[in-house]
PDB file of N, CA and C in Angstrom:
ATOM      1  N   MET A   1       0.838  -1.185   0.000  1.00  0.00           N
ATOM      2  CA  MET A   1       0.000   0.000   0.000  1.00  0.00           C
ATOM      3  C   MET A   1       0.881   1.246   0.000  1.00  0.00           C
ATOM      4  N   LEU A   2       0.348   2.335  -0.503  1.00  0.00           N
ATOM      5  CA  LEU A   2       1.109   3.578  -0.632  1.00  0.00           C
ATOM      6  C   LEU A   2       1.599   4.129   0.698  1.00  0.00           C
ATOM      7  N   LEU A   3       0.846   3.911   1.762  1.00  0.00           N
ATOM      8  CA  LEU A   3       1.257   4.445   3.067  1.00  0.00           C
ATOM      9  C   LEU A   3       2.482   3.737   3.620  1.00  0.00           C
ATOM     10  N   GLU A   4       2.771   2.539   3.131  1.00  0.00           N
ATOM     11  CA  GLU A   4       3.894   1.758   3.647  1.00  0.00           C
ATOM     12  C   GLU A   4       5.175   1.960   2.844  1.00  0.00           C
ATOM     13  N   ARG A   5       5.104   2.631   1.722  1.00  0.00           N
ATOM     14  CA  ARG A   5       6.275   2.853   0.870  1.00  0.00           C
ATOM     15  C   ARG A   5       7.011   4.110   1.303  1.00  0.00           C
ATOM     16  N   PRO A   6       8.280   4.222   0.918  1.00  0.00           N
ATOM     17  CA  PRO A   6       9.012   5.463   1.209  1.00  0.00           C
ATOM     18  C   PRO A   6       8.305   6.655   0.561  1.00  0.00           C
ATOM     19  N   ARG A   7       8.402   7.784   1.212  1.00  0.00           N
ATOM     20  CA  ARG A   7       7.742   8.990   0.720  1.00  0.00           C
ATOM     21  C   ARG A   7       8.405   9.442  -0.584  1.00  0.00           C
ATOM     22  N   PRO A   8       7.626   9.603  -1.666  1.00  0.00           N
ATOM     23  CA  PRO A   8       8.218   9.983  -2.949  1.00  0.00           C
ATOM     24  C   PRO A   8       8.740  11.416  -2.933  1.00  0.00           C
ATOM     25  N   SER A   9       9.727  11.685  -3.768  1.00  0.00           N
ATOM     26  CA  SER A   9      10.308  13.024  -3.799  1.00  0.00           C
ATOM     27  C   SER A   9       9.698  13.898  -4.888  1.00  0.00           C
ATOM     28  N   GLY A  10       9.081  13.308  -5.895  1.00  0.00           N
ATOM     29  CA  GLY A  10       8.511  14.086  -6.993  1.00  0.00           C
ATOM     30  C   GLY A  10       7.000  14.130  -6.927  1.00  0.00           C
ATOM     31  N   THR A  11       6.409  14.576  -8.002  1.00  0.00           N
ATOM     32  CA  THR A  11       4.955  14.633  -8.113  1.00  0.00           C
ATOM     33  C   THR A  11       4.417  13.241  -8.429  1.00  0.00           C
ATOM     34  N   VAL A  12       3.331  12.864  -7.758  1.00  0.00           N
ATOM     35  CA  VAL A  12       2.697  11.562  -7.962  1.00  0.00           C
ATOM     36  C   VAL A  12       1.363  11.775  -8.666  1.00  0.00           C
ATOM     37  N   LEU A  13       1.138  11.026  -9.742  1.00  0.00           N
ATOM     38  CA  LEU A  13      -0.139  11.021 -10.435  1.00  0.00           C
ATOM     39  C   LEU A  13      -0.914   9.821  -9.911  1.00  0.00           C
ATOM     40  N   LEU A  14      -2.011  10.078  -9.210  1.00  0.00           N
ATOM     41  CA  LEU A  14      -2.804   9.015  -8.600  1.00  0.00           C
ATOM     42  C   LEU A  14      -4.147   8.927  -9.313  1.00  0.00           C
ATOM     43  N   LEU A  15      -4.379   7.810 -10.018  1.00  0.00           N
ATOM     44  CA  LEU A  15      -5.639   7.544 -10.710  1.00  0.00           C
ATOM     45  C   LEU A  15      -6.451   6.602  -9.842  1.00  0.00           C
ATOM     46  N   THR A  16      -7.659   7.005  -9.472  1.00  0.00           N
ATOM     47  CA  THR A  16      -8.466   6.219  -8.543  1.00  0.00           C
ATOM     48  C   THR A  16      -9.934   6.583  -8.681  1.00  0.00           C
ATOM     49  N   ASP A  17     -10.803   5.671  -8.223  1.00  0.00           N
ATOM     50  CA  ASP A  17     -12.203   6.071  -8.117  1.00  0.00           C
ATOM     51  C   ASP A  17     -12.420   6.855  -6.825  1.00  0.00           C
ATOM     52  N   GLY A  18     -11.478   6.740  -5.895  1.00  0.00           N
ATOM     53  CA  GLY A  18     -11.555   7.514  -4.657  1.00  0.00           C
ATOM     54  C   GLY A  18     -12.648   7.060  -3.714  1.00  0.00           C
ATOM     55  N   LEU A  19     -13.201   5.894  -3.945  1.00  0.00           N
ATOM     56  CA  LEU A  19     -14.319   5.433  -3.126  1.00  0.00           C
ATOM     57  C   LEU A  19     -13.901   4.482  -2.014  1.00  0.00           C
ATOM     58  N   ASP A  20     -12.623   4.139  -1.958  1.00  0.00           N
ATOM     59  CA  ASP A  20     -12.142   3.278  -0.877  1.00  0.00           C
ATOM     60  C   ASP A  20     -12.245   4.008   0.456  1.00  0.00           C
ATOM     61  N   GLU A  21     -12.496   3.254   1.502  1.00  0.00           N
ATOM     62  CA  GLU A  21     -12.563   3.838   2.840  1.00  0.00           C
ATOM     63  C   GLU A  21     -11.145   3.971   3.381  1.00  0.00           C
ATOM     64  N   LEU A  22     -10.480   5.056   2.990  1.00  0.00           N
ATOM     65  CA  LEU A  22      -9.108   5.329   3.398  1.00  0.00           C
ATOM     66  C   LEU A  22      -9.053   6.662   4.123  1.00  0.00           C
ATOM     67  N   ASP A  23      -7.967   6.885   4.819  1.00  0.00           N
ATOM     68  CA  ASP A  23      -7.688   8.209   5.364  1.00  0.00           C
ATOM     69  C   ASP A  23      -7.048   9.003   4.228  1.00  0.00           C
ATOM     70  N   TRP A  24      -7.872   9.569   3.362  1.00  0.00           N
ATOM     71  CA  TRP A  24      -7.384  10.251   2.167  1.00  0.00           C
ATOM     72  C   TRP A  24      -6.471  11.413   2.517  1.00  0.00           C
ATOM     73  N   SER A  25      -6.789  12.131   3.563  1.00  0.00           N
ATOM     74  CA  SER A  25      -5.955  13.260   3.968  1.00  0.00           C
ATOM     75  C   SER A  25      -4.540  12.785   4.281  1.00  0.00           C
ATOM     76  N   ARG A  26      -4.433  11.729   5.059  1.00  0.00           N
ATOM     77  CA  ARG A  26      -3.119  11.179   5.437  1.00  0.00           C
ATOM     78  C   ARG A  26      -2.370  10.658   4.216  1.00  0.00           C
ATOM     79  N   LEU A  27      -3.080   9.925   3.365  1.00  0.00           N
ATOM     80  CA  LEU A  27      -2.455   9.357   2.173  1.00  0.00           C
ATOM     81  C   LEU A  27      -1.930  10.457   1.252  1.00  0.00           C
ATOM     82  N   LEU A  28      -2.760  11.441   0.949  1.00  0.00           N
ATOM     83  CA  LEU A  28      -2.346  12.491   0.023  1.00  0.00           C
ATOM     84  C   LEU A  28      -1.232  13.343   0.616  1.00  0.00           C
ATOM     85  N   TYR A  29      -1.283  13.591   1.917  1.00  0.00           N
ATOM     86  CA  TYR A  29      -0.197  14.335   2.559  1.00  0.00           C
ATOM     87  C   TYR A  29       1.112  13.550   2.440  1.00  0.00           C
ATOM     88  N   ARG A  30       1.029  12.255   2.620  1.00  0.00           N
ATOM     89  CA  ARG A  30       2.229  11.415   2.538  1.00  0.00           C
ATOM     90  C   ARG A  30       2.852  11.457   1.141  1.00  0.00           C
ATOM     91  N   LEU A  31       2.030  11.618   0.128  1.00  0.00           N
ATOM     92  CA  LEU A  31       2.533  11.652  -1.242  1.00  0.00           C
ATOM     93  C   LEU A  31       3.172  12.998  -1.591  1.00  0.00           C
ATOM     94  N   ARG A  32       3.047  13.973  -0.721  1.00  0.00           N
ATOM     95  CA  ARG A  32       3.609  15.330  -0.902  1.00  0.00           C
ATOM     96  C   ARG A  32       2.908  16.069  -2.018  1.00  0.00           C
ATOM     97  N   ARG A  33       3.473  16.026  -3.197  1.00  0.00           N
ATOM     98  CA  ARG A  33       2.878  16.714  -4.352  1.00  0.00           C
ATOM     99  C   ARG A  33       2.106  15.661  -5.144  1.00  0.00           C
ATOM    100  N   VAL A  34       0.821  15.897  -5.276  1.00  0.00           N
ATOM    101  CA  VAL A  34      -0.019  14.876  -5.892  1.00  0.00           C
ATOM    102  C   VAL A  34      -0.948  15.506  -6.922  1.00  0.00           C
ATOM    103  N   VAL A  35      -1.155  14.771  -8.000  1.00  0.00           N
ATOM    104  CA  VAL A  35      -2.210  15.077  -8.951  1.00  0.00           C
ATOM    105  C   VAL A  35      -3.202  13.926  -8.802  1.00  0.00           C
ATOM    106  N   LEU A  36      -4.333  14.215  -8.178  1.00  0.00           N
ATOM    107  CA  LEU A  36      -5.360  13.197  -7.951  1.00  0.00           C
ATOM    108  C   LEU A  36      -6.368  13.269  -9.089  1.00  0.00           C
ATOM    109  N   VAL A  37      -6.454  12.191  -9.855  1.00  0.00           N
ATOM    110  CA  VAL A  37      -7.428  12.098 -10.934  1.00  0.00           C
ATOM    111  C   VAL A  37      -8.434  11.037 -10.521  1.00  0.00           C
ATOM    112  N   GLN A  38      -9.626  11.498 -10.207  1.00  0.00           N
ATOM    113  CA  GLN A  38     -10.688  10.603  -9.762  1.00  0.00           C
ATOM    114  C   GLN A  38     -11.526  10.239 -10.986  1.00  0.00           C
ATOM    115  N   ILE A  39     -11.709   8.938 -11.200  1.00  0.00           N
ATOM    116  CA  ILE A  39     -12.439   8.458 -12.373  1.00  0.00           C
ATOM    117  C   ILE A  39     -13.651   7.663 -11.897  1.00  0.00           C
ATOM    118  N   LEU A  40     -14.835   8.142 -12.283  1.00  0.00           N
ATOM    119  CA  LEU A  40     -16.077   7.490 -11.876  1.00  0.00           C
ATOM    120  C   LEU A  40     -16.967   7.237 -13.084  1.00  0.00           C
ATOM    121  N   ALA A  41     -17.748   6.183 -13.005  1.00  0.00           N
ATOM    122  CA  ALA A  41     -18.717   5.869 -14.052  1.00  0.00           C
ATOM    123  C   ALA A  41     -19.886   6.848 -13.956  1.00  0.00           C
ATOM    124  N   PRO A  42     -20.508   7.169 -15.087  1.00  0.00           N
ATOM    125  CA  PRO A  42     -21.668   8.064 -15.045  1.00  0.00           C
ATOM    126  C   PRO A  42     -22.744   7.593 -14.058  1.00  0.00           C
ATOM    127  N   ALA A  43     -22.961   6.279 -13.969  1.00  0.00           N
ATOM    128  CA  ALA A  43     -23.976   5.756 -13.044  1.00  0.00           C
ATOM    129  C   ALA A  43     -23.574   5.943 -11.588  1.00  0.00           C
ATOM    130  N   GLU A  44     -22.266   6.051 -11.304  1.00  0.00           N
ATOM    131  CA  GLU A  44     -21.821   6.332  -9.935  1.00  0.00           C
ATOM    132  C   GLU A  44     -22.072   7.795  -9.585  1.00  0.00           C
ATOM    133  N   LEU A  45     -21.950   8.666 -10.570  1.00  0.00           N
ATOM    134  CA  LEU A  45     -22.150  10.095 -10.336  1.00  0.00           C
ATOM    135  C   LEU A  45     -23.625  10.473 -10.303  1.00  0.00           C
ATOM    136  N   ALA A  46     -24.437   9.808 -11.100  1.00  0.00           N
ATOM    137  CA  ALA A  46     -25.863  10.138 -11.168  1.00  0.00           C
ATOM    138  C   ALA A  46     -26.675   8.869 -11.385  1.00  0.00           C
ATOM    139  N   PRO A  47     -26.836   8.071 -10.319  1.00  0.00           N
ATOM    140  CA  PRO A  47     -27.602   6.829 -10.478  1.00  0.00           C
ATOM    141  C   PRO A  47     -29.076   7.131 -10.745  1.00  0.00           C
ATOM    142  N   PRO A  48     -29.752   6.236 -11.460  1.00  0.00           N
ATOM    143  CA  PRO A  48     -31.182   6.431 -11.697  1.00  0.00           C
ATOM    144  C   PRO A  48     -31.939   6.426 -10.373  1.00  0.00           C
ATOM    145  N   LEU A  49     -33.019   7.191 -10.317  1.00  0.00           N
ATOM    146  CA  LEU A  49     -33.755   7.345  -9.062  1.00  0.00           C
ATOM    147  C   LEU A  49     -34.841   6.303  -8.853  1.00  0.00           C
ATOM    148  N   ASP A  50     -34.884   5.253  -9.646  1.00  0.00           N
ATOM    149  CA  ASP A  50     -35.905   4.234  -9.440  1.00  0.00           C
ATOM    150  C   ASP A  50     -35.368   3.104  -8.567  1.00  0.00           C
ATOM    151  N   GLU A  51     -36.270   2.210  -8.194  1.00  0.00           N
ATOM    152  CA  GLU A  51     -35.858   1.096  -7.340  1.00  0.00           C
ATOM    153  C   GLU A  51     -35.060   0.083  -8.146  1.00  0.00           C
ATOM    154  N   ALA A  52     -34.074  -0.503  -7.476  1.00  0.00           N
ATOM    155  CA  ALA A  52     -33.214  -1.468  -8.165  1.00  0.00           C
ATOM    156  C   ALA A  52     -32.466  -2.310  -7.146  1.00  0.00           C
ATOM    157  N   TRP A  53     -31.901  -3.391  -7.637  1.00  0.00           N
ATOM    158  CA  TRP A  53     -30.958  -4.194  -6.866  1.00  0.00           C
ATOM    159  C   TRP A  53     -29.567  -3.834  -7.362  1.00  0.00           C
ATOM    160  N   LEU A  54     -28.680  -3.512  -6.449  1.00  0.00           N
ATOM    161  CA  LEU A  54     -27.298  -3.221  -6.815  1.00  0.00           C
ATOM    162  C   LEU A  54     -26.424  -4.371  -6.355  1.00  0.00           C
ATOM    163  N   GLN A  55     -25.426  -4.698  -7.166  1.00  0.00           N
ATOM    164  CA  GLN A  55     -24.488  -5.752  -6.796  1.00  0.00           C
ATOM    165  C   GLN A  55     -23.081  -5.184  -6.803  1.00  0.00           C
ATOM    166  N   ASP A  56     -22.359  -5.398  -5.704  1.00  0.00           N
ATOM    167  CA  ASP A  56     -20.972  -4.955  -5.584  1.00  0.00           C
ATOM    168  C   ASP A  56     -20.102  -5.871  -6.430  1.00  0.00           C
ATOM    169  N   ILE A  57     -19.397  -5.300  -7.377  1.00  0.00           N
ATOM    170  CA  ILE A  57     -18.555  -6.087  -8.281  1.00  0.00           C
ATOM    171  C   ILE A  57     -17.444  -6.793  -7.519  1.00  0.00           C
ATOM    172  N   GLU A  58     -16.920  -6.133  -6.482  1.00  0.00           N
ATOM    173  CA  GLU A  58     -15.778  -6.687  -5.755  1.00  0.00           C
ATOM    174  C   GLU A  58     -16.177  -7.762  -4.746  1.00  0.00           C
ATOM    175  N   THR A  59     -17.313  -7.575  -4.058  1.00  0.00           N
ATOM    176  CA  THR A  59     -17.684  -8.518  -3.000  1.00  0.00           C
ATOM    177  C   THR A  59     -18.833  -9.447  -3.381  1.00  0.00           C
ATOM    178  N   GLY A  60     -19.607  -9.063  -4.406  1.00  0.00           N
ATOM    179  CA  GLY A  60     -20.766  -9.858  -4.784  1.00  0.00           C
ATOM    180  C   GLY A  60     -21.998  -9.559  -3.950  1.00  0.00           C
ATOM    181  N   GLY A  61     -21.859  -8.716  -2.933  1.00  0.00           N
ATOM    182  CA  GLY A  61     -22.993  -8.354  -2.084  1.00  0.00           C
ATOM    183  C   GLY A  61     -24.077  -7.634  -2.867  1.00  0.00           C
ATOM    184  N   ARG A  62     -25.338  -7.854  -2.458  1.00  0.00           N
ATOM    185  CA  ARG A  62     -26.476  -7.218  -3.141  1.00  0.00           C
ATOM    186  C   ARG A  62     -27.235  -6.334  -2.166  1.00  0.00           C
ATOM    187  N   LEU A  63     -27.811  -5.261  -2.713  1.00  0.00           N
ATOM    188  CA  LEU A  63     -28.528  -4.296  -1.893  1.00  0.00           C
ATOM    189  C   LEU A  63     -29.704  -3.750  -2.679  1.00  0.00           C
ATOM    190  N   GLU A  64     -30.890  -3.776  -2.061  1.00  0.00           N
ATOM    191  CA  GLU A  64     -32.060  -3.183  -2.701  1.00  0.00           C
ATOM    192  C   GLU A  64     -32.092  -1.699  -2.352  1.00  0.00           C
ATOM    193  N   VAL A  65     -32.271  -0.865  -3.363  1.00  0.00           N
ATOM    194  CA  VAL A  65     -32.296   0.579  -3.130  1.00  0.00           C
ATOM    195  C   VAL A  65     -33.509   1.205  -3.799  1.00  0.00           C
ATOM    196  N   GLY A  66     -33.928   2.307  -3.219  1.00  0.00           N
ATOM    197  CA  GLY A  66     -35.021   3.104  -3.769  1.00  0.00           C
ATOM    198  C   GLY A  66     -34.618   4.568  -3.795  1.00  0.00           C
ATOM    199  N   ARG A  67     -35.579   5.427  -4.004  1.00  0.00           N
ATOM    200  CA  ARG A  67     -35.334   6.859  -4.136  1.00  0.00           C
ATOM    201  C   ARG A  67     -34.600   7.442  -2.928  1.00  0.00           C
ATOM    202  N   ALA A  68     -35.010   7.097  -1.719  1.00  0.00           N
ATOM    203  CA  ALA A  68     -34.390   7.656  -0.505  1.00  0.00           C
ATOM    204  C   ALA A  68     -32.913   7.272  -0.414  1.00  0.00           C
ATOM    205  N   GLU A  69     -32.604   6.025  -0.716  1.00  0.00           N
ATOM    206  CA  GLU A  69     -31.208   5.572  -0.654  1.00  0.00           C
ATOM    207  C   GLU A  69     -30.353   6.261  -1.722  1.00  0.00           C
ATOM    208  N   VAL A  70     -30.913   6.431  -2.911  1.00  0.00           N
ATOM    209  CA  VAL A  70     -30.170   7.095  -3.990  1.00  0.00           C
ATOM    210  C   VAL A  70     -29.901   8.551  -3.625  1.00  0.00           C
ATOM    211  N   GLU A  71     -30.903   9.233  -3.073  1.00  0.00           N
ATOM    212  CA  GLU A  71     -30.707  10.631  -2.673  1.00  0.00           C
ATOM    213  C   GLU A  71     -29.672  10.744  -1.556  1.00  0.00           C
ATOM    214  N   ALA A  72     -29.696   9.827  -0.591  1.00  0.00           N
ATOM    215  CA  ALA A  72     -28.696   9.834   0.491  1.00  0.00           C
ATOM    216  C   ALA A  72     -27.305   9.564  -0.078  1.00  0.00           C
ATOM    217  N   TYR A  73     -27.218   8.638  -1.026  1.00  0.00           N
ATOM    218  CA  TYR A  73     -25.942   8.337  -1.682  1.00  0.00           C
ATOM    219  C   TYR A  73     -25.401   9.573  -2.392  1.00  0.00           C
ATOM    220  N   GLN A  74     -26.259  10.258  -3.140  1.00  0.00           N
ATOM    221  CA  GLN A  74     -25.817  11.435  -3.885  1.00  0.00           C
ATOM    222  C   GLN A  74     -25.318  12.531  -2.948  1.00  0.00           C
ATOM    223  N   THR A  75     -26.001  12.731  -1.840  1.00  0.00           N
ATOM    224  CA  THR A  75     -25.573  13.731  -0.855  1.00  0.00           C
ATOM    225  C   THR A  75     -24.217  13.359  -0.273  1.00  0.00           C
ATOM    226  N   ALA A  76     -24.060  12.090   0.108  1.00  0.00           N
ATOM    227  CA  ALA A  76     -22.783  11.634   0.680  1.00  0.00           C
ATOM    228  C   ALA A  76     -21.666  11.703  -0.359  1.00  0.00           C
ATOM    229  N   LEU A  77     -21.953  11.324  -1.611  1.00  0.00           N
ATOM    230  CA  LEU A  77     -20.940  11.365  -2.667  1.00  0.00           C
ATOM    231  C   LEU A  77     -20.483  12.799  -2.925  1.00  0.00           C
ATOM    232  N   GLU A  78     -21.418  13.733  -3.002  1.00  0.00           N
ATOM    233  CA  GLU A  78     -21.057  15.137  -3.229  1.00  0.00           C
ATOM    234  C   GLU A  78     -20.138  15.648  -2.124  1.00  0.00           C
ATOM    235  N   ALA A  79     -20.440  15.311  -0.878  1.00  0.00           N
ATOM    236  CA  ALA A  79     -19.595  15.737   0.248  1.00  0.00           C
ATOM    237  C   ALA A  79     -18.212  15.095   0.146  1.00  0.00           C
ATOM    238  N   HIS A  80     -18.164  13.826  -0.207  1.00  0.00           N
ATOM    239  CA  HIS A  80     -16.889  13.107  -0.332  1.00  0.00           C
ATOM    240  C   HIS A  80     -16.039  13.701  -1.461  1.00  0.00           C
ATOM    241  N   LEU A  81     -16.658  13.959  -2.614  1.00  0.00           N
ATOM    242  CA  LEU A  81     -15.931  14.545  -3.742  1.00  0.00           C
ATOM    243  C   LEU A  81     -15.382  15.918  -3.383  1.00  0.00           C
ATOM    244  N   ARG A  82     -16.182  16.704  -2.687  1.00  0.00           N
ATOM    245  CA  ARG A  82     -15.752  18.045  -2.257  1.00  0.00           C
ATOM    246  C   ARG A  82     -14.541  17.952  -1.335  1.00  0.00           C
ATOM    247  N   ARG A  83     -14.596  17.014  -0.373  1.00  0.00           N
ATOM    248  CA  ARG A  83     -13.483  16.815   0.573  1.00  0.00           C
ATOM    249  C   ARG A  83     -12.199  16.420  -0.155  1.00  0.00           C
ATOM    250  N   LEU A  84     -12.301  15.434  -1.050  1.00  0.00           N
ATOM    251  CA  LEU A  84     -11.123  14.990  -1.801  1.00  0.00           C
ATOM    252  C   LEU A  84     -10.539  16.131  -2.630  1.00  0.00           C
ATOM    253  N   LYS A  85     -11.401  16.902  -3.257  1.00  0.00           N
ATOM    254  CA  LYS A  85     -10.952  18.018  -4.088  1.00  0.00           C
ATOM    255  C   LYS A  85     -10.190  19.044  -3.253  1.00  0.00           C
ATOM    256  N   ILE A  86     -10.707  19.383  -2.090  1.00  0.00           N
ATOM    257  CA  ILE A  86     -10.055  20.358  -1.209  1.00  0.00           C
ATOM    258  C   ILE A  86      -8.687  19.848  -0.766  1.00  0.00           C
ATOM    259  N   ILE A  87      -8.642  18.599  -0.306  1.00  0.00           N
ATOM    260  CA  ILE A  87      -7.376  18.017   0.173  1.00  0.00           C
ATOM    261  C   ILE A  87      -6.356  17.966  -0.965  1.00  0.00           C
ATOM    262  N   ALA A  88      -6.766  17.457  -2.132  1.00  0.00           N
ATOM    263  CA  ALA A  88      -5.838  17.303  -3.258  1.00  0.00           C
ATOM    264  C   ALA A  88      -5.335  18.654  -3.750  1.00  0.00           C
ATOM    265  N   ARG A  89      -6.199  19.638  -3.800  1.00  0.00           N
ATOM    266  CA  ARG A  89      -5.769  20.955  -4.285  1.00  0.00           C
ATOM    267  C   ARG A  89      -4.809  21.637  -3.319  1.00  0.00           C
ATOM    268  N   ARG A  90      -4.910  21.323  -2.037  1.00  0.00           N
ATOM    269  CA  ARG A  90      -3.943  21.856  -1.070  1.00  0.00           C
ATOM    270  C   ARG A  90      -2.540  21.335  -1.352  1.00  0.00           C
ATOM    271  N   LEU A  91      -2.467  20.114  -1.860  1.00  0.00           N
ATOM    272  CA  LEU A  91      -1.182  19.443  -2.057  1.00  0.00           C
ATOM    273  C   LEU A  91      -0.776  19.336  -3.524  1.00  0.00           C
ATOM    274  N   GLY A  92      -1.596  19.821  -4.415  1.00  0.00           N
ATOM    275  CA  GLY A  92      -1.286  19.716  -5.839  1.00  0.00           C
ATOM    276  C   GLY A  92      -2.486  20.050  -6.690  1.00  0.00           C
ATOM    277  N   SER A  93      -3.018  19.043  -7.384  1.00  0.00           N
ATOM    278  CA  SER A  93      -4.124  19.256  -8.316  1.00  0.00           C
ATOM    279  C   SER A  93      -5.162  18.149  -8.172  1.00  0.00           C
ATOM    280  N   TYR A  94      -6.355  18.434  -8.708  1.00  0.00           N
ATOM    281  CA  TYR A  94      -7.455  17.477  -8.657  1.00  0.00           C
ATOM    282  C   TYR A  94      -8.238  17.572  -9.959  1.00  0.00           C
ATOM    283  N   ALA A  95      -8.686  16.438 -10.446  1.00  0.00           N
ATOM    284  CA  ALA A  95      -9.600  16.397 -11.584  1.00  0.00           C
ATOM    285  C   ALA A  95     -10.569  15.241 -11.386  1.00  0.00           C
ATOM    286  N   LEU A  96     -11.786  15.446 -11.836  1.00  0.00           N
ATOM    287  CA  LEU A  96     -12.802  14.397 -11.829  1.00  0.00           C
ATOM    288  C   LEU A  96     -13.134  14.078 -13.277  1.00  0.00           C
ATOM    289  N   LEU A  97     -12.907  12.835 -13.669  1.00  0.00           N
ATOM    290  CA  LEU A  97     -13.217  12.383 -15.024  1.00  0.00           C
ATOM    291  C   LEU A  97     -14.258  11.277 -14.965  1.00  0.00           C
ATOM    292  N   ARG A  98     -15.011  11.167 -16.050  1.00  0.00           N
ATOM    293  CA  ARG A  98     -15.965  10.077 -16.179  1.00  0.00           C
ATOM    294  C   ARG A  98     -15.312   8.943 -16.973  1.00  0.00           C
ATOM    295  N   VAL A  99     -15.675   7.711 -16.640  1.00  0.00           N
ATOM    296  CA  VAL A  99     -15.174   6.557 -17.384  1.00  0.00           C
ATOM    297  C   VAL A  99     -15.472   6.784 -18.866  1.00  0.00           C
ATOM    298  N   GLY A 100     -14.463   6.582 -19.691  1.00  0.00           N
ATOM    299  CA  GLY A 100     -14.625   6.762 -21.128  1.00  0.00           C
ATOM    300  C   GLY A 100     -14.304   8.157 -21.618  1.00  0.00           C
ATOM    301  N   GLU A 101     -14.157   9.114 -20.709  1.00  0.00           N
ATOM    302  CA  GLU A 101     -13.815  10.485 -21.100  1.00  0.00           C
ATOM    303  C   GLU A 101     -12.337  10.531 -21.484  1.00  0.00           C
ATOM    304  N   PRO A 102     -12.002  11.155 -22.597  1.00  0.00           N
ATOM    305  CA  PRO A 102     -10.590  11.267 -22.968  1.00  0.00           C
ATOM    306  C   PRO A 102      -9.793  11.987 -21.874  1.00  0.00           C
ATOM    307  N   ILE A 103      -8.688  11.385 -21.451  1.00  0.00           N
ATOM    308  CA  ILE A 103      -7.947  11.883 -20.287  1.00  0.00           C
ATOM    309  C   ILE A 103      -7.310  13.247 -20.537  1.00  0.00           C
ATOM    310  N   ILE A 104      -6.532  13.378 -21.580  1.00  0.00           N
ATOM    311  CA  ILE A 104      -5.798  14.630 -21.811  1.00  0.00           C
ATOM    312  C   ILE A 104      -6.757  15.816 -21.976  1.00  0.00           C
ATOM    313  N   PRO A 105      -7.783  15.731 -22.848  1.00  0.00           N
ATOM    314  CA  PRO A 105      -8.711  16.861 -22.944  1.00  0.00           C
ATOM    315  C   PRO A 105      -9.410  17.175 -21.613  1.00  0.00           C
ATOM    316  N   GLY A 106      -9.732  16.139 -20.846  1.00  0.00           N
ATOM    317  CA  GLY A 106     -10.369  16.356 -19.545  1.00  0.00           C
ATOM    318  C   GLY A 106      -9.463  17.088 -18.572  1.00  0.00           C
ATOM    319  N   LEU A 107      -8.186  16.714 -18.541  1.00  0.00           N
ATOM    320  CA  LEU A 107      -7.233  17.378 -17.644  1.00  0.00           C
ATOM    321  C   LEU A 107      -6.934  18.796 -18.115  1.00  0.00           C
ATOM    322  N   LEU A 108      -6.898  19.022 -19.420  1.00  0.00           N
ATOM    323  CA  LEU A 108      -6.721  20.380 -19.949  1.00  0.00           C
ATOM    324  C   LEU A 108      -7.923  21.251 -19.584  1.00  0.00           C
ATOM    325  N   ARG A 109      -9.123  20.719 -19.770  1.00  0.00           N
ATOM    326  CA  ARG A 109     -10.355  21.462 -19.487  1.00  0.00           C
ATOM    327  C   ARG A 109     -10.442  21.872 -18.021  1.00  0.00           C
ATOM    328  N   GLN A 110      -9.942  21.013 -17.126  1.00  0.00           N
ATOM    329  CA  GLN A 110     -10.029  21.288 -15.691  1.00  0.00           C
ATOM    330  C   GLN A 110      -8.807  22.032 -15.158  1.00  0.00           C
ATOM    331  N   GLY A 111      -7.889  22.391 -16.043  1.00  0.00           N
ATOM    332  CA  GLY A 111      -6.740  23.186 -15.625  1.00  0.00           C
ATOM    333  C   GLY A 111      -5.630  22.411 -14.942  1.00  0.00           C
ATOM    334  N   VAL A 112      -5.691  21.085 -14.985  1.00  0.00           N
ATOM    335  CA  VAL A 112      -4.643  20.266 -14.375  1.00  0.00           C
ATOM    336  C   VAL A 112      -3.414  20.229 -15.280  1.00  0.00           C
ATOM    337  N   LEU A 113      -3.645  20.232 -16.595  1.00  0.00           N
ATOM    338  CA  LEU A 113      -2.564  20.307 -17.580  1.00  0.00           C
ATOM    339  C   LEU A 113      -2.690  21.614 -18.345  1.00  0.00           C
ATOM    340  N   GLU A 114      -1.561  22.080 -18.858  1.00  0.00           N
ATOM    341  CA  GLU A 114      -1.548  23.275 -19.698  1.00  0.00           C
ATOM    342  C   GLU A 114      -0.911  22.922 -21.031  1.00  0.00           C
ATOM    343  N   GLU A 115      -1.461  23.487 -22.101  1.00  0.00           N
ATOM    344  CA  GLU A 115      -0.847  23.294 -23.418  1.00  0.00           C
ATOM    345  C   GLU A 115       0.342  24.226 -23.544  1.00  0.00           C
ATOM    346  N   ARG A 116       1.404  23.736 -24.182  1.00  0.00           N
ATOM    347  CA  ARG A 116       2.594  24.574 -24.408  1.00  0.00           C
ATOM    348  C   ARG A 116       2.929  24.578 -25.864  1.00  0.00           C
TER     349      ARG A 116
END
């Protein structure tokens, strides 16, 4: 894991969905200068508001959800994204990309990269 490795001396480009239950503040501080690129699927950013069964790809667990659960998820996700953005920008840069979005144009659009 990144917390167990020697502290890097240069800038670290970290590509992640950012949804792991980690101490993100501690991790990003440990990396010193970081460019955090968070990549999420459109359905993770804006799930449909109807009832459904969700299955965790990693664990196989299933969960029935409805409108109330989706709204609570969206509120929690927005707060989490805001927190990650604040922490990452203190230590470097942050970008949020959607799965399938071209990386370079997305990073240019969000000011993480500059054309020269």
